[in-house]
Amino acid sequence: MLLYLYQASLTNFISIFKFMTNSTQTKFQEYTQYLLDAFTRCTRSQDCIDRGMNKSYYKIKEDHADKEEIEQQLIYPLHDDELPNDWRYETIYDLLLDFVECEDRNQIEDRMHEIVDGSVDIYNYDLIRWVQEDLNRGYVESDLRTDQENIFQLIGLAQYEVINQMAYQLLDYIDSNKEEEE
């Protein structure tokens, strides 16, 4: 519980610090921050945790003015025919955290490999759990395959492809909607 409170307060502090130190944000950064601020981190009951669910998860704030639009136009399409799940919400949130540091699309595209690669699970247990959550994830095709990979490397490549696709869809969404905010 203390760790969660620490993480929540640290996240709030970082957001406030970024706002104070960079009061001249670009429209891209402003809209990305707006999306980031729409998320909230929740904690599940002990019963849910005992059934194997994650202890904490992200969702769009219930009282957010654009909750329905963000869910319908951004969140659900980024789930790529999967049912809503913690991994997708957390990945979207993490991508937004990386995106908000960049001034525009070009900066993100310059860093895209670094951003996506840094989001791929590094532990074999986490990779297996990722596939286990939705077995269709095992069917992702990758151009990066060399036929020399072990099963865990193949899962990691599949996860990389999924995150990369999500990142570009998110980037397109921000680009098309930041203009509406002006």
C-alpha atoms as a PDB file:
ATOM      1  CA  MET A   1       0.000   0.000   0.000  1.00  0.00           C
ATOM      2  CA  LEU A   2       2.817   2.385   0.866  1.00  0.00           C
ATOM      3  CA  LEU A   3       4.499   1.648  -2.453  1.00  0.00           C
ATOM      4  CA  TYR A   4       1.284   2.485  -4.307  1.00  0.00           C
ATOM      5  CA  LEU A   5       0.885   5.768  -2.415  1.00  0.00           C
ATOM      6  CA  TYR A   6       4.525   6.605  -3.103  1.00  0.00           C
ATOM      7  CA  GLN A   7       4.107   5.864  -6.828  1.00  0.00           C
ATOM      8  CA  ALA A   8       0.904   7.914  -7.033  1.00  0.00           C
ATOM      9  CA  SER A   9       2.430  10.903  -5.274  1.00  0.00           C
ATOM     10  CA  LEU A  10       5.617  10.622  -7.338  1.00  0.00           C
ATOM     11  CA  THR A  11       3.565  10.583 -10.564  1.00  0.00           C
ATOM     12  CA  ASN A  12       1.648  13.681  -9.438  1.00  0.00           C
ATOM     13  CA  PHE A  13       4.874  15.417  -8.445  1.00  0.00           C
ATOM     14  CA  ILE A  14       6.464  14.645 -11.812  1.00  0.00           C
ATOM     15  CA  SER A  15       3.408  15.997 -13.676  1.00  0.00           C
ATOM     16  CA  ILE A  16       3.428  19.202 -11.631  1.00  0.00           C
ATOM     17  CA  PHE A  17       7.201  19.571 -12.013  1.00  0.00           C
ATOM     18  CA  LYS A  18       6.997  19.117 -15.782  1.00  0.00           C
ATOM     19  CA  PHE A  19       4.206  21.667 -15.984  1.00  0.00           C
ATOM     20  CA  MET A  20       6.141  24.202 -13.915  1.00  0.00           C
ATOM     21  CA  THR A  21       9.430  23.744 -15.762  1.00  0.00           C
ATOM     22  CA  ASN A  22       7.886  23.632 -19.219  1.00  0.00           C
ATOM     23  CA  SER A  23       5.074  26.150 -19.240  1.00  0.00           C
ATOM     24  CA  THR A  24       5.550  26.527 -22.988  1.00  0.00           C
ATOM     25  CA  GLN A  25       4.367  23.109 -24.037  1.00  0.00           C
ATOM     26  CA  THR A  26       3.552  22.437 -27.660  1.00  0.00           C
ATOM     27  CA  LYS A  27      -0.026  21.596 -28.648  1.00  0.00           C
ATOM     28  CA  PHE A  28       1.178  18.029 -29.101  1.00  0.00           C
ATOM     29  CA  GLN A  29       2.453  17.890 -25.508  1.00  0.00           C
ATOM     30  CA  GLU A  30      -0.641  19.609 -24.135  1.00  0.00           C
ATOM     31  CA  TYR A  31      -2.992  17.117 -25.742  1.00  0.00           C
ATOM     32  CA  THR A  32      -0.795  14.180 -24.752  1.00  0.00           C
ATOM     33  CA  GLN A  33      -0.811  15.456 -21.151  1.00  0.00           C
ATOM     34  CA  TYR A  34      -4.600  15.842 -21.365  1.00  0.00           C
ATOM     35  CA  LEU A  35      -4.886  12.160 -22.328  1.00  0.00           C
ATOM     36  CA  LEU A  36      -2.415  11.149 -19.636  1.00  0.00           C
ATOM     37  CA  ASP A  37      -4.413  13.048 -17.018  1.00  0.00           C
ATOM     38  CA  ALA A  38      -7.550  11.154 -18.065  1.00  0.00           C
ATOM     39  CA  PHE A  39      -6.105   7.956 -16.567  1.00  0.00           C
ATOM     40  CA  THR A  40      -6.358   6.888 -12.967  1.00  0.00           C
ATOM     41  CA  ARG A  41      -4.682   3.989 -11.196  1.00  0.00           C
ATOM     42  CA  CYS A  42      -7.001   1.768  -9.174  1.00  0.00           C
ATOM     43  CA  THR A  43      -6.430  -1.043  -6.685  1.00  0.00           C
ATOM     44  CA  ARG A  44      -8.344  -4.314  -6.772  1.00  0.00           C
ATOM     45  CA  SER A  45      -9.815  -6.125  -3.797  1.00  0.00           C
ATOM     46  CA  GLN A  46      -7.897  -8.948  -2.170  1.00  0.00           C
ATOM     47  CA  ASP A  47     -10.453 -11.405  -3.592  1.00  0.00           C
ATOM     48  CA  CYS A  48      -9.572 -10.329  -7.154  1.00  0.00           C
ATOM     49  CA  ILE A  49      -5.860 -10.523  -6.403  1.00  0.00           C
ATOM     50  CA  ASP A  50      -6.332 -14.040  -4.986  1.00  0.00           C
ATOM     51  CA  ARG A  51      -7.966 -15.019  -8.296  1.00  0.00           C
ATOM     52  CA  GLY A  52      -4.804 -14.010 -10.176  1.00  0.00           C
ATOM     53  CA  MET A  53      -5.698 -10.490 -11.263  1.00  0.00           C
ATOM     54  CA  ASN A  54      -3.187  -7.650 -11.098  1.00  0.00           C
ATOM     55  CA  LYS A  55      -3.163  -5.712  -7.842  1.00  0.00           C
ATOM     56  CA  SER A  56      -3.464  -2.370  -9.609  1.00  0.00           C
ATOM     57  CA  TYR A  57      -4.751  -1.303 -12.988  1.00  0.00           C
ATOM     58  CA  TYR A  58      -5.398   1.807 -15.067  1.00  0.00           C
ATOM     59  CA  LYS A  59      -8.707   3.082 -16.356  1.00  0.00           C
ATOM     60  CA  ILE A  60     -10.190   6.344 -17.600  1.00  0.00           C
ATOM     61  CA  LYS A  61     -11.503   8.505 -14.762  1.00  0.00           C
ATOM     62  CA  GLU A  62     -15.247   8.155 -14.309  1.00  0.00           C
ATOM     63  CA  ASP A  63     -15.744  11.929 -14.104  1.00  0.00           C
ATOM     64  CA  HIS A  64     -13.536  12.838 -17.065  1.00  0.00           C
ATOM     65  CA  ALA A  65     -15.351  15.128 -19.511  1.00  0.00           C
ATOM     66  CA  ASP A  66     -14.308  13.087 -22.578  1.00  0.00           C
ATOM     67  CA  LYS A  67     -14.381   9.621 -20.984  1.00  0.00           C
ATOM     68  CA  GLU A  68     -16.721   8.059 -23.530  1.00  0.00           C
ATOM     69  CA  GLU A  69     -14.950   9.592 -26.533  1.00  0.00           C
ATOM     70  CA  ILE A  70     -11.491   8.556 -25.301  1.00  0.00           C
ATOM     71  CA  GLU A  71     -12.665   5.014 -24.659  1.00  0.00           C
ATOM     72  CA  GLN A  72     -14.535   4.674 -27.969  1.00  0.00           C
ATOM     73  CA  GLN A  73     -12.065   6.475 -30.247  1.00  0.00           C
ATOM     74  CA  LEU A  74      -8.745   5.597 -28.599  1.00  0.00           C
ATOM     75  CA  ILE A  75      -8.754   2.879 -25.951  1.00  0.00           C
ATOM     76  CA  TYR A  76     -10.968   0.270 -27.625  1.00  0.00           C
ATOM     77  CA  PRO A  77      -9.319   0.517 -31.064  1.00  0.00           C
ATOM     78  CA  LEU A  78      -5.912   0.128 -29.384  1.00  0.00           C
ATOM     79  CA  HIS A  79      -7.148  -3.163 -27.906  1.00  0.00           C
ATOM     80  CA  ASP A  80      -7.054  -4.623 -31.459  1.00  0.00           C
ATOM     81  CA  ASP A  81     -10.069  -6.956 -31.088  1.00  0.00           C
ATOM     82  CA  GLU A  82      -9.027  -8.054 -27.603  1.00  0.00           C
ATOM     83  CA  LEU A  83     -11.403  -7.587 -24.708  1.00  0.00           C
ATOM     84  CA  PRO A  84     -10.426  -4.676 -22.446  1.00  0.00           C
ATOM     85  CA  ASN A  85      -7.454  -5.777 -20.373  1.00  0.00           C
ATOM     86  CA  ASP A  86      -4.926  -4.412 -17.923  1.00  0.00           C
ATOM     87  CA  TRP A  87      -1.921  -4.924 -20.192  1.00  0.00           C
ATOM     88  CA  ARG A  88      -3.347  -2.733 -22.974  1.00  0.00           C
ATOM     89  CA  TYR A  89      -4.399   0.062 -20.590  1.00  0.00           C
ATOM     90  CA  GLU A  90      -1.008   0.039 -18.879  1.00  0.00           C
ATOM     91  CA  THR A  91       0.828   0.024 -22.212  1.00  0.00           C
ATOM     92  CA  ILE A  92      -1.221   2.993 -23.455  1.00  0.00           C
ATOM     93  CA  TYR A  93      -0.472   4.855 -20.224  1.00  0.00           C
ATOM     94  CA  ASP A  94       3.258   4.056 -20.455  1.00  0.00           C
ATOM     95  CA  LEU A  95       3.405   5.168 -24.099  1.00  0.00           C
ATOM     96  CA  LEU A  96       1.720   8.453 -23.188  1.00  0.00           C
ATOM     97  CA  LEU A  97       4.325   8.971 -20.440  1.00  0.00           C
ATOM     98  CA  ASP A  98       7.075   8.601 -23.039  1.00  0.00           C
ATOM     99  CA  PHE A  99       5.265  10.690 -25.654  1.00  0.00           C
ATOM    100  CA  VAL A 100       4.636  13.674 -23.381  1.00  0.00           C
ATOM    101  CA  GLU A 101       8.385  14.226 -23.059  1.00  0.00           C
ATOM    102  CA  CYS A 102       8.646  14.850 -26.804  1.00  0.00           C
ATOM    103  CA  GLU A 103       7.672  18.103 -28.494  1.00  0.00           C
ATOM    104  CA  ASP A 104       6.177  16.595 -31.636  1.00  0.00           C
ATOM    105  CA  ARG A 105       5.657  13.537 -33.783  1.00  0.00           C
ATOM    106  CA  ASN A 106       9.130  13.770 -35.325  1.00  0.00           C
ATOM    107  CA  GLN A 107      10.832  13.504 -31.936  1.00  0.00           C
ATOM    108  CA  ILE A 108       8.742  10.465 -31.070  1.00  0.00           C
ATOM    109  CA  GLU A 109       9.455   8.798 -34.384  1.00  0.00           C
ATOM    110  CA  ASP A 110      13.175   9.410 -33.806  1.00  0.00           C
ATOM    111  CA  ARG A 111      12.868   7.652 -30.439  1.00  0.00           C
ATOM    112  CA  MET A 112      10.215   5.078 -31.400  1.00  0.00           C
ATOM    113  CA  HIS A 113      12.484   2.034 -31.307  1.00  0.00           C
ATOM    114  CA  GLU A 114      13.819   3.068 -27.892  1.00  0.00           C
ATOM    115  CA  ILE A 115      10.290   3.683 -26.546  1.00  0.00           C
ATOM    116  CA  VAL A 116       8.839   0.425 -27.863  1.00  0.00           C
ATOM    117  CA  ASP A 117      11.863  -1.699 -26.998  1.00  0.00           C
ATOM    118  CA  GLY A 118      11.809  -0.329 -23.461  1.00  0.00           C
ATOM    119  CA  SER A 119       8.182  -1.440 -23.107  1.00  0.00           C
ATOM    120  CA  VAL A 120       8.787  -5.092 -24.026  1.00  0.00           C
ATOM    121  CA  ASP A 121       8.851  -7.474 -21.081  1.00  0.00           C
ATOM    122  CA  ILE A 122      12.325  -8.759 -20.276  1.00  0.00           C
ATOM    123  CA  TYR A 123      11.464 -11.652 -17.971  1.00  0.00           C
ATOM    124  CA  ASN A 124      10.385 -14.964 -19.485  1.00  0.00           C
ATOM    125  CA  TYR A 125       7.614 -15.336 -16.901  1.00  0.00           C
ATOM    126  CA  ASP A 126       6.100 -12.006 -17.960  1.00  0.00           C
ATOM    127  CA  LEU A 127       6.309 -12.938 -21.652  1.00  0.00           C
ATOM    128  CA  ILE A 128       4.521 -16.244 -21.028  1.00  0.00           C
ATOM    129  CA  ARG A 129       1.886 -14.478 -18.936  1.00  0.00           C
ATOM    130  CA  TRP A 130       1.382 -11.929 -21.750  1.00  0.00           C
ATOM    131  CA  VAL A 131       0.604 -14.698 -24.261  1.00  0.00           C
ATOM    132  CA  GLN A 132      -1.493 -16.604 -21.726  1.00  0.00           C
ATOM    133  CA  GLU A 133      -3.782 -13.583 -21.259  1.00  0.00           C
ATOM    134  CA  ASP A 134      -4.822 -13.803 -24.929  1.00  0.00           C
ATOM    135  CA  LEU A 135      -3.591 -16.769 -26.954  1.00  0.00           C
ATOM    136  CA  ASN A 136      -4.150 -14.891 -30.231  1.00  0.00           C
ATOM    137  CA  ARG A 137      -1.068 -12.874 -29.315  1.00  0.00           C
ATOM    138  CA  GLY A 138       0.935 -15.947 -30.274  1.00  0.00           C
ATOM    139  CA  TYR A 139      -0.042 -15.435 -33.919  1.00  0.00           C
ATOM    140  CA  VAL A 140       1.594 -12.040 -34.396  1.00  0.00           C
ATOM    141  CA  GLU A 141       3.894 -11.946 -37.424  1.00  0.00           C
ATOM    142  CA  SER A 142       7.248 -10.183 -37.207  1.00  0.00           C
ATOM    143  CA  ASP A 143       9.607  -9.052 -39.931  1.00  0.00           C
ATOM    144  CA  LEU A 144      12.395  -9.108 -37.338  1.00  0.00           C
ATOM    145  CA  ARG A 145      12.452 -12.908 -37.117  1.00  0.00           C
ATOM    146  CA  THR A 146      15.684 -14.666 -38.122  1.00  0.00           C
ATOM    147  CA  ASP A 147      14.760 -18.325 -37.330  1.00  0.00           C
ATOM    148  CA  GLN A 148      17.512 -18.332 -34.679  1.00  0.00           C
ATOM    149  CA  GLU A 149      15.299 -17.216 -31.782  1.00  0.00           C
ATOM    150  CA  ASN A 150      14.139 -19.297 -28.860  1.00  0.00           C
ATOM    151  CA  ILE A 151      10.462 -19.291 -27.864  1.00  0.00           C
ATOM    152  CA  PHE A 152      10.909 -16.401 -25.423  1.00  0.00           C
ATOM    153  CA  GLN A 153      12.636 -14.256 -28.032  1.00  0.00           C
ATOM    154  CA  LEU A 154       9.791 -14.979 -30.463  1.00  0.00           C
ATOM    155  CA  ILE A 155       7.230 -13.888 -27.877  1.00  0.00           C
ATOM    156  CA  GLY A 156       9.289 -10.763 -27.224  1.00  0.00           C
ATOM    157  CA  LEU A 157       9.327  -9.983 -30.966  1.00  0.00           C
ATOM    158  CA  ALA A 158       5.562 -10.463 -31.101  1.00  0.00           C
ATOM    159  CA  GLN A 159       5.114  -8.143 -28.130  1.00  0.00           C
ATOM    160  CA  TYR A 160       7.402  -5.580 -29.768  1.00  0.00           C
ATOM    161  CA  GLU A 161       5.248  -5.642 -32.927  1.00  0.00           C
ATOM    162  CA  VAL A 162       2.028  -5.203 -30.925  1.00  0.00           C
ATOM    163  CA  ILE A 163       3.428  -2.296 -28.898  1.00  0.00           C
ATOM    164  CA  ASN A 164       4.880  -0.691 -32.032  1.00  0.00           C
ATOM    165  CA  GLN A 165       1.495  -0.875 -33.767  1.00  0.00           C
ATOM    166  CA  MET A 166      -0.204   0.597 -30.669  1.00  0.00           C
ATOM    167  CA  ALA A 167       2.370   3.399 -30.495  1.00  0.00           C
ATOM    168  CA  TYR A 168       1.787   4.478 -34.093  1.00  0.00           C
ATOM    169  CA  GLN A 169      -2.004   4.317 -33.688  1.00  0.00           C
ATOM    170  CA  LEU A 170      -1.713   6.424 -30.529  1.00  0.00           C
ATOM    171  CA  LEU A 171       0.553   8.881 -32.319  1.00  0.00           C
ATOM    172  CA  ASP A 172      -1.946   9.209 -35.182  1.00  0.00           C
ATOM    173  CA  TYR A 173      -4.774   9.781 -32.703  1.00  0.00           C
ATOM    174  CA  ILE A 174      -2.856  12.529 -30.887  1.00  0.00           C
ATOM    175  CA  ASP A 175      -1.897  14.197 -34.167  1.00  0.00           C
ATOM    176  CA  SER A 176      -5.465  14.248 -35.451  1.00  0.00           C
ATOM    177  CA  ASN A 177      -6.996  15.438 -32.164  1.00  0.00           C
ATOM    178  CA  LYS A 178      -4.459  18.025 -31.009  1.00  0.00           C
ATOM    179  CA  GLU A 179      -5.612  20.248 -33.856  1.00  0.00           C
ATOM    180  CA  GLU A 180      -9.201  20.161 -32.576  1.00  0.00           C
ATOM    181  CA  GLU A 181      -8.027  21.469 -29.218  1.00  0.00           C
ATOM    182  CA  GLU A 182      -6.575  24.670 -30.748  1.00  0.00           C
END
